[in-house]
PDB file of N, CA and C in Angstrom:
ATOM      1  N   MET A   1      98.389 128.197 160.697  1.00  0.00           N
ATOM      2  CA  MET A   1      97.566 128.617 161.943  1.00  0.00           C
ATOM      3  C   MET A   1      97.056 130.160 162.146  1.00  0.00           C
ATOM      4  N   ARG A   2      98.397 130.968 161.522  1.00  0.00           N
ATOM      5  CA  ARG A   2      97.825 132.140 161.592  1.00  0.00           C
ATOM      6  C   ARG A   2      96.558 132.412 160.762  1.00  0.00           C
ATOM      7  N   THR A   3      96.546 131.940 159.729  1.00  0.00           N
ATOM      8  CA  THR A   3      95.304 132.093 158.808  1.00  0.00           C
ATOM      9  C   THR A   3      94.078 132.145 159.940  1.00  0.00           C
ATOM     10  N   THR A   4      93.947 130.868 160.382  1.00  0.00           N
ATOM     11  CA  THR A   4      93.191 130.726 161.066  1.00  0.00           C
ATOM     12  C   THR A   4      93.034 131.440 162.517  1.00  0.00           C
ATOM     13  N   ARG A   5      94.028 132.013 162.876  1.00  0.00           N
ATOM     14  CA  ARG A   5      93.810 132.956 164.175  1.00  0.00           C
ATOM     15  C   ARG A   5      92.908 134.289 163.985  1.00  0.00           C
ATOM     16  N   GLY A   6      93.973 134.650 162.664  1.00  0.00           N
ATOM     17  CA  GLY A   6      92.577 135.953 161.860  1.00  0.00           C
ATOM     18  C   GLY A   6      91.983 135.775 161.772  1.00  0.00           C
ATOM     19  N   ASP A   7      91.770 134.563 161.181  1.00  0.00           N
ATOM     20  CA  ASP A   7      89.826 134.387 160.529  1.00  0.00           C
ATOM     21  C   ASP A   7      88.803 134.502 162.029  1.00  0.00           C
ATOM     22  N   SER A   8      89.403 133.533 162.903  1.00  0.00           N
ATOM     23  CA  SER A   8      88.733 133.469 163.593  1.00  0.00           C
ATOM     24  C   SER A   8      88.778 134.866 164.723  1.00  0.00           C
ATOM     25  N   ILE A   9      89.242 135.720 164.666  1.00  0.00           N
ATOM     26  CA  ILE A   9      89.880 137.225 165.601  1.00  0.00           C
ATOM     27  C   ILE A   9      88.510 137.659 164.510  1.00  0.00           C
ATOM     28  N   ARG A  10      88.568 138.006 163.346  1.00  0.00           N
ATOM     29  CA  ARG A  10      87.275 138.692 162.351  1.00  0.00           C
ATOM     30  C   ARG A  10      86.302 138.327 162.484  1.00  0.00           C
ATOM     31  N   ARG A  11      86.334 136.783 162.723  1.00  0.00           N
ATOM     32  CA  ARG A  11      84.170 136.315 162.945  1.00  0.00           C
ATOM     33  C   ARG A  11      84.122 136.834 164.300  1.00  0.00           C
ATOM     34  N   TRP A  12      84.932 136.894 165.283  1.00  0.00           N
ATOM     35  CA  TRP A  12      84.131 137.321 166.875  1.00  0.00           C
ATOM     36  C   TRP A  12      84.445 139.070 166.850  1.00  0.00           C
ATOM     37  N   LEU A  13      84.993 139.707 165.723  1.00  0.00           N
ATOM     38  CA  LEU A  13      84.735 141.375 165.538  1.00  0.00           C
ATOM     39  C   LEU A  13      83.064 141.360 164.667  1.00  0.00           C
ATOM     40  N   LEU A  14      82.795 140.736 164.070  1.00  0.00           N
ATOM     41  CA  LEU A  14      81.854 140.710 163.200  1.00  0.00           C
ATOM     42  C   LEU A  14      80.630 140.469 164.500  1.00  0.00           C
ATOM     43  N   VAL A  15      81.062 139.238 164.929  1.00  0.00           N
ATOM     44  CA  VAL A  15      79.670 138.465 166.299  1.00  0.00           C
ATOM     45  C   VAL A  15      79.665 139.645 167.129  1.00  0.00           C
ATOM     46  N   THR A  16      80.919 140.370 167.721  1.00  0.00           N
ATOM     47  CA  THR A  16      80.559 140.891 168.581  1.00  0.00           C
ATOM     48  C   THR A  16      79.407 142.369 168.414  1.00  0.00           C
ATOM     49  N   ALA A  17      79.857 143.043 166.871  1.00  0.00           N
ATOM     50  CA  ALA A  17      79.424 144.047 166.779  1.00  0.00           C
ATOM     51  C   ALA A  17      77.929 143.996 165.811  1.00  0.00           C
ATOM     52  N   MET A  18      77.620 143.041 165.708  1.00  0.00           N
ATOM     53  CA  MET A  18      76.004 142.089 165.299  1.00  0.00           C
ATOM     54  C   MET A  18      75.268 142.316 166.634  1.00  0.00           C
ATOM     55  N   LEU A  19      76.377 141.672 167.925  1.00  0.00           N
ATOM     56  CA  LEU A  19      74.906 141.215 168.449  1.00  0.00           C
ATOM     57  C   LEU A  19      75.157 142.677 169.313  1.00  0.00           C
ATOM     58  N   SER A  20      76.385 143.923 169.393  1.00  0.00           N
ATOM     59  CA  SER A  20      76.200 145.437 169.884  1.00  0.00           C
ATOM     60  C   SER A  20      75.053 146.370 169.241  1.00  0.00           C
ATOM     61  N   ALA A  21      74.936 145.657 168.312  1.00  0.00           N
ATOM     62  CA  ALA A  21      73.765 146.666 167.367  1.00  0.00           C
ATOM     63  C   ALA A  21      72.512 145.429 167.405  1.00  0.00           C
ATOM     64  N   VAL A  22      72.128 144.686 167.802  1.00  0.00           N
ATOM     65  CA  VAL A  22      71.004 143.803 168.104  1.00  0.00           C
ATOM     66  C   VAL A  22      70.647 144.330 169.522  1.00  0.00           C
ATOM     67  N   CYS A  23      71.650 144.509 170.758  1.00  0.00           N
ATOM     68  CA  CYS A  23      71.057 145.052 171.816  1.00  0.00           C
ATOM     69  C   CYS A  23      70.972 146.673 172.266  1.00  0.00           C
ATOM     70  N   SER A  24      71.642 147.321 171.213  1.00  0.00           N
ATOM     71  CA  SER A  24      71.503 148.457 171.504  1.00  0.00           C
ATOM     72  C   SER A  24      69.774 148.644 171.130  1.00  0.00           C
ATOM     73  N   MET A  25      69.466 148.302 170.343  1.00  0.00           N
ATOM     74  CA  MET A  25      68.087 148.170 169.517  1.00  0.00           C
ATOM     75  C   MET A  25      66.947 148.127 170.083  1.00  0.00           C
ATOM     76  N   GLY A  26      66.978 147.428 171.496  1.00  0.00           N
ATOM     77  CA  GLY A  26      66.534 146.545 172.670  1.00  0.00           C
ATOM     78  C   GLY A  26      65.695 148.107 172.869  1.00  0.00           C
ATOM     79  N   CYS A  27      66.059 148.772 173.466  1.00  0.00           N
ATOM     80  CA  CYS A  27      64.905 149.599 173.729  1.00  0.00           C
ATOM     81  C   CYS A  27      64.196 150.820 173.296  1.00  0.00           C
ATOM     82  N   ALA A  28      64.933 150.852 171.357  1.00  0.00           N
ATOM     83  CA  ALA A  28      64.344 152.057 171.070  1.00  0.00           C
ATOM     84  C   ALA A  28      62.609 151.380 170.654  1.00  0.00           C
ATOM     85  N   ARG A  29      61.992 152.674 170.293  1.00  0.00           N
ATOM     86  CA  ARG A  29      60.843 152.966 170.083  1.00  0.00           C
ATOM     87  C   ARG A  29      60.628 153.316 168.917  1.00  0.00           C
ATOM     88  N   ARG A  30      59.466 153.159 167.967  1.00  0.00           N
ATOM     89  CA  ARG A  30      59.409 153.671 166.914  1.00  0.00           C
ATOM     90  C   ARG A  30      57.927 154.624 166.658  1.00  0.00           C
ATOM     91  N   ASP A  31      57.092 154.682 167.515  1.00  0.00           N
ATOM     92  CA  ASP A  31      56.212 155.415 167.702  1.00  0.00           C
ATOM     93  C   ASP A  31      56.340 157.087 167.526  1.00  0.00           C
ATOM     94  N   VAL A  32      55.398 157.217 166.744  1.00  0.00           N
ATOM     95  CA  VAL A  32      55.130 158.096 166.598  1.00  0.00           C
ATOM     96  C   VAL A  32      54.316 159.182 167.215  1.00  0.00           C
ATOM     97  N   VAL A  33      54.481 160.284 168.005  1.00  0.00           N
ATOM     98  CA  VAL A  33      53.416 160.924 168.845  1.00  0.00           C
ATOM     99  C   VAL A  33      53.017 162.081 168.020  1.00  0.00           C
ATOM    100  N   VAL A  34      51.849 162.266 167.581  1.00  0.00           N
ATOM    101  CA  VAL A  34      51.055 164.042 166.966  1.00  0.00           C
ATOM    102  C   VAL A  34      50.209 164.375 167.877  1.00  0.00           C
ATOM    103  N   ILE A  35      50.669 165.104 167.853  1.00  0.00           N
ATOM    104  CA  ILE A  35      49.420 166.359 168.946  1.00  0.00           C
ATOM    105  C   ILE A  35      48.546 166.923 167.604  1.00  0.00           C
ATOM    106  N   PRO A  36      46.819 167.045 168.175  1.00  0.00           N
ATOM    107  CA  PRO A  36      46.173 167.504 167.163  1.00  0.00           C
ATOM    108  C   PRO A  36      46.317 168.930 166.818  1.00  0.00           C
ATOM    109  N   ALA A  37      45.460 169.400 166.264  1.00  0.00           N
ATOM    110  CA  ALA A  37      45.513 170.658 165.965  1.00  0.00           C
ATOM    111  C   ALA A  37      44.957 172.139 167.609  1.00  0.00           C
ATOM    112  N   ASP A  38      44.001 171.506 167.731  1.00  0.00           N
ATOM    113  CA  ASP A  38      43.382 172.051 169.367  1.00  0.00           C
ATOM    114  C   ASP A  38      44.136 172.286 170.273  1.00  0.00           C
ATOM    115  N   ARG A  39      45.406 171.476 170.330  1.00  0.00           N
ATOM    116  CA  ARG A  39      46.697 171.508 171.689  1.00  0.00           C
ATOM    117  C   ARG A  39      47.793 172.089 170.495  1.00  0.00           C
ATOM    118  N   MET A  40      47.222 173.753 170.874  1.00  0.00           N
ATOM    119  CA  MET A  40      48.288 174.081 170.206  1.00  0.00           C
ATOM    120  C   MET A  40      49.520 175.303 171.254  1.00  0.00           C
ATOM    121  N   ILE A  41      50.098 175.327 170.763  1.00  0.00           N
ATOM    122  CA  ILE A  41      50.978 176.622 170.960  1.00  0.00           C
ATOM    123  C   ILE A  41      50.578 178.084 170.207  1.00  0.00           C
ATOM    124  N   ARG A  42      50.259 179.340 170.954  1.00  0.00           N
ATOM    125  CA  ARG A  42      50.201 180.389 170.351  1.00  0.00           C
ATOM    126  C   ARG A  42      51.444 181.558 170.706  1.00  0.00           C
ATOM    127  N   PRO A  43      51.680 182.325 169.764  1.00  0.00           N
ATOM    128  CA  PRO A  43      52.529 183.405 170.334  1.00  0.00           C
ATOM    129  C   PRO A  43      51.726 184.997 170.716  1.00  0.00           C
ATOM    130  N   LEU A  44      52.281 185.093 171.665  1.00  0.00           N
ATOM    131  CA  LEU A  44      51.841 186.313 171.996  1.00  0.00           C
ATOM    132  C   LEU A  44      52.444 187.666 171.713  1.00  0.00           C
ATOM    133  N   PRO A  45      51.693 188.773 171.670  1.00  0.00           N
ATOM    134  CA  PRO A  45      52.449 189.725 171.300  1.00  0.00           C
ATOM    135  C   PRO A  45      53.981 190.193 171.803  1.00  0.00           C
ATOM    136  N   ASP A  46      53.658 189.763 173.164  1.00  0.00           N
ATOM    137  CA  ASP A  46      54.834 190.403 173.706  1.00  0.00           C
ATOM    138  C   ASP A  46      56.418 188.859 174.017  1.00  0.00           C
ATOM    139  N   GLY A  47      56.242 187.907 173.261  1.00  0.00           N
ATOM    140  CA  GLY A  47      57.298 187.465 172.921  1.00  0.00           C
ATOM    141  C   GLY A  47      57.551 186.170 173.312  1.00  0.00           C
ATOM    142  N   ASN A  48      56.360 185.854 174.263  1.00  0.00           N
ATOM    143  CA  ASN A  48      56.120 184.620 175.160  1.00  0.00           C
ATOM    144  C   ASN A  48      54.871 183.882 174.471  1.00  0.00           C
ATOM    145  N   TYR A  49      54.928 182.755 174.945  1.00  0.00           N
ATOM    146  CA  TYR A  49      53.457 181.451 174.167  1.00  0.00           C
ATOM    147  C   TYR A  49      52.703 181.235 175.149  1.00  0.00           C
ATOM    148  N   GLU A  50      51.308 180.895 174.288  1.00  0.00           N
ATOM    149  CA  GLU A  50      50.297 180.424 175.560  1.00  0.00           C
ATOM    150  C   GLU A  50      50.415 179.033 174.841  1.00  0.00           C
ATOM    151  N   VAL A  51      50.102 177.900 176.160  1.00  0.00           N
ATOM    152  CA  VAL A  51      49.474 177.273 175.570  1.00  0.00           C
ATOM    153  C   VAL A  51      47.900 176.788 175.910  1.00  0.00           C
ATOM    154  N   THR A  52      47.284 175.579 175.475  1.00  0.00           N
ATOM    155  CA  THR A  52      45.469 175.593 175.884  1.00  0.00           C
ATOM    156  C   THR A  52      45.791 174.684 176.811  1.00  0.00           C
ATOM    157  N   PRO A  53      44.629 174.267 177.478  1.00  0.00           N
ATOM    158  CA  PRO A  53      45.050 173.541 179.087  1.00  0.00           C
ATOM    159  C   PRO A  53      44.998 171.682 177.914  1.00  0.00           C
ATOM    160  N   ALA A  54      44.157 171.305 177.139  1.00  0.00           N
ATOM    161  CA  ALA A  54      44.353 170.262 176.263  1.00  0.00           C
ATOM    162  C   ALA A  54      45.953 169.909 176.307  1.00  0.00           C
ATOM    163  N   TRP A  55      46.379 171.010 175.441  1.00  0.00           N
ATOM    164  CA  TRP A  55      48.436 170.301 175.075  1.00  0.00           C
ATOM    165  C   TRP A  55      48.933 170.208 176.455  1.00  0.00           C
ATOM    166  N   LEU A  56      48.633 171.242 177.967  1.00  0.00           N
ATOM    167  CA  LEU A  56      49.474 170.682 178.927  1.00  0.00           C
ATOM    168  C   LEU A  56      49.066 169.197 179.126  1.00  0.00           C
ATOM    169  N   GLN A  57      47.260 169.040 179.154  1.00  0.00           N
ATOM    170  CA  GLN A  57      47.557 167.367 179.607  1.00  0.00           C
ATOM    171  C   GLN A  57      47.567 166.501 178.833  1.00  0.00           C
ATOM    172  N   GLU A  58      47.966 166.820 177.164  1.00  0.00           N
ATOM    173  CA  GLU A  58      48.905 165.721 176.604  1.00  0.00           C
ATOM    174  C   GLU A  58      50.056 165.884 177.002  1.00  0.00           C
ATOM    175  N   ARG A  59      51.130 166.538 177.233  1.00  0.00           N
ATOM    176  CA  ARG A  59      52.220 167.043 177.557  1.00  0.00           C
ATOM    177  C   ARG A  59      52.317 166.010 178.328  1.00  0.00           C
ATOM    178  N   TYR A  60      51.928 166.572 180.185  1.00  0.00           N
ATOM    179  CA  TYR A  60      51.612 165.658 181.023  1.00  0.00           C
ATOM    180  C   TYR A  60      51.575 163.628 180.992  1.00  0.00           C
ATOM    181  N   ARG A  61      50.434 163.422 179.956  1.00  0.00           N
ATOM    182  CA  ARG A  61      50.072 162.414 179.723  1.00  0.00           C
ATOM    183  C   ARG A  61      51.916 161.515 178.764  1.00  0.00           C
ATOM    184  N   LEU A  62      52.260 162.299 178.261  1.00  0.00           N
ATOM    185  CA  LEU A  62      53.296 161.791 177.373  1.00  0.00           C
ATOM    186  C   LEU A  62      54.399 161.738 178.210  1.00  0.00           C
ATOM    187  N   GLU A  63      55.106 162.759 179.059  1.00  0.00           N
ATOM    188  CA  GLU A  63      55.610 162.860 179.430  1.00  0.00           C
ATOM    189  C   GLU A  63      56.031 161.427 180.491  1.00  0.00           C
ATOM    190  N   ARG A  64      54.702 161.490 181.319  1.00  0.00           N
ATOM    191  CA  ARG A  64      54.503 159.895 182.449  1.00  0.00           C
ATOM    192  C   ARG A  64      54.637 158.422 181.615  1.00  0.00           C
ATOM    193  N   TRP A  65      54.259 158.516 179.857  1.00  0.00           N
ATOM    194  CA  TRP A  65      54.192 157.560 179.695  1.00  0.00           C
ATOM    195  C   TRP A  65      55.529 157.206 179.228  1.00  0.00           C
ATOM    196  N   GLN A  66      56.405 157.952 178.562  1.00  0.00           N
ATOM    197  CA  GLN A  66      58.318 157.952 178.569  1.00  0.00           C
ATOM    198  C   GLN A  66      58.552 157.822 179.636  1.00  0.00           C
ATOM    199  N   ALA A  67      58.273 158.503 180.913  1.00  0.00           N
ATOM    200  CA  ALA A  67      58.897 157.950 182.000  1.00  0.00           C
ATOM    201  C   ALA A  67      58.983 156.774 182.435  1.00  0.00           C
ATOM    202  N   GLU A  68      57.860 156.131 182.384  1.00  0.00           N
ATOM    203  CA  GLU A  68      57.567 154.784 182.433  1.00  0.00           C
ATOM    204  C   GLU A  68      57.829 153.807 181.734  1.00  0.00           C
ATOM    205  N   GLU A  69      58.292 153.998 180.367  1.00  0.00           N
ATOM    206  CA  GLU A  69      59.047 153.368 179.788  1.00  0.00           C
ATOM    207  C   GLU A  69      60.388 153.158 179.873  1.00  0.00           C
ATOM    208  N   LEU A  70      61.080 154.191 179.906  1.00  0.00           N
ATOM    209  CA  LEU A  70      62.267 154.301 180.837  1.00  0.00           C
ATOM    210  C   LEU A  70      63.083 153.688 181.389  1.00  0.00           C
ATOM    211  N   LYS A  71      61.575 153.650 182.644  1.00  0.00           N
ATOM    212  CA  LYS A  71      62.468 152.742 183.730  1.00  0.00           C
ATOM    213  C   LYS A  71      62.267 151.200 183.334  1.00  0.00           C
ATOM    214  N   ARG A  72      60.898 150.607 182.068  1.00  0.00           N
ATOM    215  CA  ARG A  72      60.897 149.280 181.550  1.00  0.00           C
ATOM    216  C   ARG A  72      62.147 148.910 180.754  1.00  0.00           C
ATOM    217  N   CYS A  73      62.254 149.588 180.478  1.00  0.00           N
ATOM    218  CA  CYS A  73      63.399 149.305 179.259  1.00  0.00           C
ATOM    219  C   CYS A  73      64.619 149.281 180.388  1.00  0.00           C
ATOM    220  N   ARG A  74      65.032 150.283 181.385  1.00  0.00           N
ATOM    221  CA  ARG A  74      66.371 150.124 182.418  1.00  0.00           C
ATOM    222  C   ARG A  74      66.313 148.734 182.970  1.00  0.00           C
ATOM    223  N   GLN A  75      64.678 148.335 183.542  1.00  0.00           N
ATOM    224  CA  GLN A  75      65.370 146.993 184.332  1.00  0.00           C
ATOM    225  C   GLN A  75      65.192 145.593 183.357  1.00  0.00           C
ATOM    226  N   ARG A  76      65.155 145.958 182.114  1.00  0.00           N
ATOM    227  CA  ARG A  76      65.576 145.008 181.298  1.00  0.00           C
ATOM    228  C   ARG A  76      67.194 144.101 181.237  1.00  0.00           C
TER     229      ARG A  76
END
């Protein structure tokens, strides 16, 4: 009787671990974001940085998209 109980506990632990792994990957995204060369960050002589308007626009779009994806992920 003891081996049956030990086997069933190990099976439940395995099933729980697999289910946890599958659920945790449910909201994982594998998208790669590439920012082209015209959307640059340039270092300035005073140590600050300057960004192009195209870079700012792309960044705002990316952040809006990420916020929407996060909302969708939380609703699931």
